[in-house]
C-alpha cells in the first residue's frame, strides 16, 4: 500500500493511509488477532457477517427495484476555512 505525501503535508497523508487501511479491513483483522478466537466463535461471527451482507444486498436490490425509497442524497456544502489569527502589534 502506498500513500503519496504532497507539499510535506504528513497529516493529510496519514488520513489517507488510515482511510485505505479501514477500507481494506486491516484494523478489523488486527483487532480479531489480538486474542485467540475459538472455532465455534469464529463460525458464529462469520455467519453473522454473512447475514449482515445478505441483508445489505437485499436492501440495496429492493431500493433499485423501487420497493423501498432511495436514501436521501447528502448535499455537500464547502466547509468554511478557519480565519487566520489576527496579528496584534504593540507600539
N, C-alpha and C. Protein backbone atom coordinates (compact mmCIF):
# COMPACT_ATOMS: atom_id res chain seq x y z
N UNK A 1 0.85 -1.17 0.00
CA UNK A 1 0.00 0.00 0.00
C UNK A 1 0.89 1.23 0.00
N UNK A 2 0.50 2.23 -0.77
CA UNK A 2 1.35 3.39 -0.92
C UNK A 2 0.50 4.65 -0.83
N UNK A 3 1.01 5.63 -0.09
CA UNK A 3 0.35 6.92 0.04
C UNK A 3 1.38 7.99 -0.28
N UNK A 4 1.02 8.90 -1.15
CA UNK A 4 1.93 9.97 -1.53
C UNK A 4 1.79 11.15 -0.56
N UNK A 5 2.91 11.73 -0.18
CA UNK A 5 2.92 12.92 0.67
C UNK A 5 3.13 14.11 -0.24
N UNK A 6 2.14 15.00 -0.26
CA UNK A 6 2.22 16.17 -1.12
C UNK A 6 2.48 17.42 -0.29
N UNK A 7 3.34 18.26 -0.76
CA UNK A 7 3.66 19.53 -0.11
C UNK A 7 4.04 19.35 1.35
N UNK A 8 4.71 18.25 1.66
CA UNK A 8 5.17 17.96 3.03
C UNK A 8 4.02 17.93 4.04
N UNK A 9 2.81 17.55 3.57
CA UNK A 9 1.62 17.52 4.42
C UNK A 9 1.43 16.09 4.94
N UNK A 10 2.06 15.82 6.07
CA UNK A 10 2.03 14.47 6.63
C UNK A 10 0.67 14.13 7.22
N UNK A 11 -0.01 15.11 7.81
CA UNK A 11 -1.33 14.85 8.41
C UNK A 11 -2.32 14.35 7.36
N UNK A 12 -2.30 14.98 6.20
CA UNK A 12 -3.21 14.57 5.13
C UNK A 12 -2.86 13.17 4.63
N UNK A 13 -1.56 12.87 4.54
CA UNK A 13 -1.13 11.55 4.09
C UNK A 13 -1.54 10.48 5.10
N UNK A 14 -1.43 10.79 6.40
CA UNK A 14 -1.85 9.83 7.42
C UNK A 14 -3.35 9.57 7.35
N UNK A 15 -4.13 10.63 7.12
CA UNK A 15 -5.58 10.43 7.00
C UNK A 15 -5.90 9.53 5.82
N UNK A 16 -5.21 9.75 4.70
CA UNK A 16 -5.44 8.92 3.51
C UNK A 16 -5.05 7.47 3.79
N UNK A 17 -3.93 7.27 4.49
CA UNK A 17 -3.49 5.91 4.83
C UNK A 17 -4.50 5.22 5.73
N UNK A 18 -4.97 5.91 6.75
CA UNK A 18 -5.95 5.33 7.67
C UNK A 18 -7.24 4.95 6.93
N UNK A 19 -7.64 5.80 5.99
CA UNK A 19 -8.86 5.52 5.23
C UNK A 19 -8.68 4.27 4.38
N UNK A 20 -7.48 4.14 3.75
CA UNK A 20 -7.22 2.95 2.94
C UNK A 20 -7.19 1.68 3.81
N UNK A 21 -6.54 1.77 4.97
CA UNK A 21 -6.47 0.62 5.87
C UNK A 21 -7.86 0.22 6.35
N UNK A 22 -8.69 1.22 6.63
CA UNK A 22 -10.07 0.96 7.08
C UNK A 22 -10.84 0.23 5.98
N UNK A 23 -10.71 0.72 4.73
CA UNK A 23 -11.42 0.09 3.62
C UNK A 23 -10.98 -1.35 3.40
N UNK A 24 -9.69 -1.62 3.59
CA UNK A 24 -9.16 -2.96 3.37
C UNK A 24 -9.51 -3.91 4.51
N UNK A 25 -9.93 -3.37 5.66
CA UNK A 25 -10.29 -4.22 6.79
C UNK A 25 -9.10 -4.62 7.65
N UNK A 26 -8.01 -3.88 7.54
CA UNK A 26 -6.80 -4.21 8.30
C UNK A 26 -7.02 -4.01 9.79
N UNK A 27 -7.67 -2.89 10.17
CA UNK A 27 -7.90 -2.61 11.59
C UNK A 27 -8.78 -3.70 12.22
N UNK A 28 -9.79 -4.12 11.48
CA UNK A 28 -10.70 -5.16 11.98
C UNK A 28 -9.95 -6.47 12.19
N UNK A 29 -9.09 -6.81 11.25
CA UNK A 29 -8.32 -8.05 11.35
C UNK A 29 -7.33 -7.98 12.52
N UNK A 30 -6.69 -6.83 12.70
CA UNK A 30 -5.76 -6.69 13.82
C UNK A 30 -6.48 -6.87 15.16
N UNK A 31 -7.67 -6.31 15.26
CA UNK A 31 -8.44 -6.42 16.49
C UNK A 31 -8.81 -7.88 16.77
N UNK A 32 -9.15 -8.62 15.71
CA UNK A 32 -9.52 -10.02 15.87
C UNK A 32 -8.32 -10.88 16.27
N UNK A 33 -7.15 -10.53 15.79
CA UNK A 33 -5.96 -11.34 16.07
C UNK A 33 -5.34 -11.06 17.43
N UNK A 34 -5.83 -10.06 18.15
CA UNK A 34 -5.27 -9.75 19.46
C UNK A 34 -5.39 -10.92 20.42
N UNK A 35 -6.52 -11.61 20.35
CA UNK A 35 -6.77 -12.73 21.25
C UNK A 35 -7.24 -13.93 20.43
N UNK A 36 -7.04 -15.12 20.99
CA UNK A 36 -7.46 -16.33 20.29
C UNK A 36 -8.97 -16.38 20.19
N UNK A 37 -9.46 -16.78 19.03
CA UNK A 37 -10.89 -16.92 18.81
C UNK A 37 -11.20 -18.40 18.62
N UNK A 38 -12.07 -18.91 19.48
CA UNK A 38 -12.43 -20.32 19.37
C UNK A 38 -13.10 -20.59 18.03
N UNK A 39 -12.91 -21.79 17.48
CA UNK A 39 -13.53 -22.11 16.19
C UNK A 39 -15.05 -21.93 16.20
N UNK A 40 -15.71 -22.25 17.32
CA UNK A 40 -17.16 -22.08 17.37
C UNK A 40 -17.53 -20.60 17.32
N UNK A 41 -16.74 -19.75 18.00
CA UNK A 41 -17.00 -18.31 17.97
C UNK A 41 -16.74 -17.76 16.56
N UNK A 42 -15.73 -18.30 15.90
CA UNK A 42 -15.41 -17.86 14.55
C UNK A 42 -16.56 -18.18 13.60
N UNK A 43 -17.12 -19.39 13.72
CA UNK A 43 -18.25 -19.76 12.87
C UNK A 43 -19.43 -18.83 13.11
N UNK A 44 -19.72 -18.53 14.38
CA UNK A 44 -20.86 -17.66 14.72
C UNK A 44 -20.63 -16.27 14.13
N UNK A 45 -19.41 -15.74 14.27
CA UNK A 45 -19.11 -14.41 13.76
C UNK A 45 -19.22 -14.37 12.24
N UNK A 46 -18.64 -15.37 11.56
CA UNK A 46 -18.69 -15.39 10.11
C UNK A 46 -20.12 -15.53 9.60
N UNK A 47 -20.94 -16.32 10.30
CA UNK A 47 -22.34 -16.47 9.92
C UNK A 47 -23.08 -15.14 10.07
N UNK A 48 -22.81 -14.44 11.18
CA UNK A 48 -23.46 -13.14 11.41
C UNK A 48 -23.03 -12.13 10.34
N UNK A 49 -21.76 -12.14 9.97
CA UNK A 49 -21.28 -11.24 8.92
C UNK A 49 -21.95 -11.55 7.59
N UNK A 50 -22.12 -12.83 7.28
CA UNK A 50 -22.76 -13.23 6.03
C UNK A 50 -24.22 -12.78 6.00
N UNK A 51 -24.91 -12.92 7.13
CA UNK A 51 -26.31 -12.49 7.22
C UNK A 51 -26.39 -10.98 7.02
N UNK A 52 -25.47 -10.26 7.64
CA UNK A 52 -25.45 -8.80 7.51
C UNK A 52 -25.22 -8.38 6.06
N UNK A 53 -24.27 -9.04 5.39
CA UNK A 53 -24.01 -8.72 3.99
C UNK A 53 -25.23 -9.01 3.11
N UNK A 54 -25.90 -10.14 3.39
CA UNK A 54 -27.07 -10.52 2.60
C UNK A 54 -28.20 -9.52 2.79
N UNK A 55 -28.41 -9.07 4.04
CA UNK A 55 -29.45 -8.08 4.31
C UNK A 55 -29.15 -6.77 3.59
N UNK A 56 -27.89 -6.36 3.64
CA UNK A 56 -27.50 -5.11 2.99
C UNK A 56 -27.71 -5.21 1.49
N UNK A 57 -27.33 -6.34 0.91
CA UNK A 57 -27.51 -6.54 -0.53
C UNK A 57 -28.99 -6.57 -0.90
N UNK A 58 -29.82 -7.24 -0.08
CA UNK A 58 -31.25 -7.31 -0.35
C UNK A 58 -31.89 -5.93 -0.26
N UNK A 59 -31.44 -5.12 0.71
CA UNK A 59 -31.97 -3.77 0.87
C UNK A 59 -31.64 -2.92 -0.34
N UNK A 60 -30.39 -3.00 -0.81
CA UNK A 60 -29.99 -2.23 -1.99
C UNK A 60 -30.77 -2.67 -3.22
N UNK A 61 -30.99 -3.99 -3.36
CA UNK A 61 -31.74 -4.50 -4.51
C UNK A 61 -33.19 -4.00 -4.45
N UNK A 62 -33.79 -4.00 -3.27
CA UNK A 62 -35.17 -3.52 -3.12
C UNK A 62 -35.25 -2.03 -3.46
N UNK A 63 -34.22 -1.27 -3.09
CA UNK A 63 -34.21 0.15 -3.43
C UNK A 63 -34.10 0.35 -4.93
N UNK A 64 -33.28 -0.45 -5.59
CA UNK A 64 -33.13 -0.34 -7.03
C UNK A 64 -34.43 -0.67 -7.76
N UNK A 65 -35.18 -1.65 -7.20
CA UNK A 65 -36.44 -2.08 -7.83
C UNK A 65 -37.60 -1.18 -7.47
N UNK A 66 -37.38 -0.22 -6.57
CA UNK A 66 -38.43 0.72 -6.21
C UNK A 66 -39.33 0.25 -5.09
N UNK A 67 -38.99 -0.83 -4.42
CA UNK A 67 -39.81 -1.33 -3.32
C UNK A 67 -39.55 -0.54 -2.04
N UNK A 68 -38.36 0.01 -1.91
CA UNK A 68 -38.00 0.86 -0.77
C UNK A 68 -37.57 2.21 -1.31
N UNK A 69 -37.78 3.26 -0.52
CA UNK A 69 -37.32 4.58 -1.00
C UNK A 69 -35.80 4.64 -1.03
N UNK A 70 -35.29 5.36 -2.01
CA UNK A 70 -33.85 5.55 -2.12
C UNK A 70 -33.39 6.44 -0.97
N UNK A 71 -32.16 6.25 -0.51
CA UNK A 71 -31.66 7.11 0.56
C UNK A 71 -31.52 8.54 0.06
N UNK A 72 -31.73 9.48 0.99
CA UNK A 72 -31.62 10.88 0.62
C UNK A 72 -30.17 11.21 0.33
N UNK A 73 -29.97 12.00 -0.72
CA UNK A 73 -28.60 12.41 -1.08
C UNK A 73 -28.15 13.51 -0.14
N UNK A 74 -26.91 13.41 0.27
CA UNK A 74 -26.35 14.43 1.14
C UNK A 74 -25.92 15.61 0.27
N UNK A 75 -26.28 16.79 0.70
CA UNK A 75 -25.87 17.98 -0.01
C UNK A 75 -24.51 18.39 0.55
N UNK A 76 -23.53 18.41 -0.33
CA UNK A 76 -22.18 18.75 0.11
C UNK A 76 -22.01 20.26 0.07
N UNK A 77 -21.81 20.84 1.24
CA UNK A 77 -21.53 22.27 1.31
C UNK A 77 -20.06 22.44 1.65
N UNK A 78 -19.41 23.39 1.03
CA UNK A 78 -17.99 23.57 1.34
C UNK A 78 -17.81 24.04 2.78
N UNK A 79 -16.81 23.45 3.44
CA UNK A 79 -16.53 23.84 4.81
C UNK A 79 -15.85 25.20 4.82
N UNK A 80 -16.26 26.07 5.74
CA UNK A 80 -15.58 27.37 5.81
C UNK A 80 -14.16 27.17 6.33
N UNK A 81 -13.24 27.86 5.70
CA UNK A 81 -11.85 27.78 6.13
C UNK A 81 -11.68 28.61 7.38
N UNK A 82 -10.87 28.12 8.32
CA UNK A 82 -10.65 28.91 9.53
C UNK A 82 -9.92 30.21 9.19
N UNK A 83 -10.37 31.28 9.82
CA UNK A 83 -9.75 32.58 9.58
C UNK A 83 -8.36 32.60 10.21
N UNK A 84 -7.49 33.34 9.59
CA UNK A 84 -6.13 33.47 10.12
C UNK A 84 -6.19 34.22 11.45
N UNK A 85 -5.35 33.86 12.37
CA UNK A 85 -5.33 34.52 13.67
C UNK A 85 -4.90 35.97 13.48
N UNK A 86 -5.61 36.88 14.15
CA UNK A 86 -5.26 38.29 13.99
C UNK A 86 -3.89 38.58 14.59
N UNK A 87 -3.16 39.42 13.90
CA UNK A 87 -1.84 39.80 14.37
C UNK A 87 -1.97 41.05 15.22
N UNK A 88 -1.57 40.94 16.45
CA UNK A 88 -1.66 42.06 17.38
C UNK A 88 -0.27 42.63 17.55
N UNK A 89 -0.13 43.88 17.19
CA UNK A 89 1.17 44.52 17.33
C UNK A 89 1.11 45.55 18.45
N UNK A 90 2.12 45.59 19.25
CA UNK A 90 2.18 46.55 20.35
C UNK A 90 3.16 47.66 19.98
N UNK A 91 2.78 48.90 20.21
CA UNK A 91 3.66 50.01 19.84
C UNK A 91 4.85 50.16 20.75
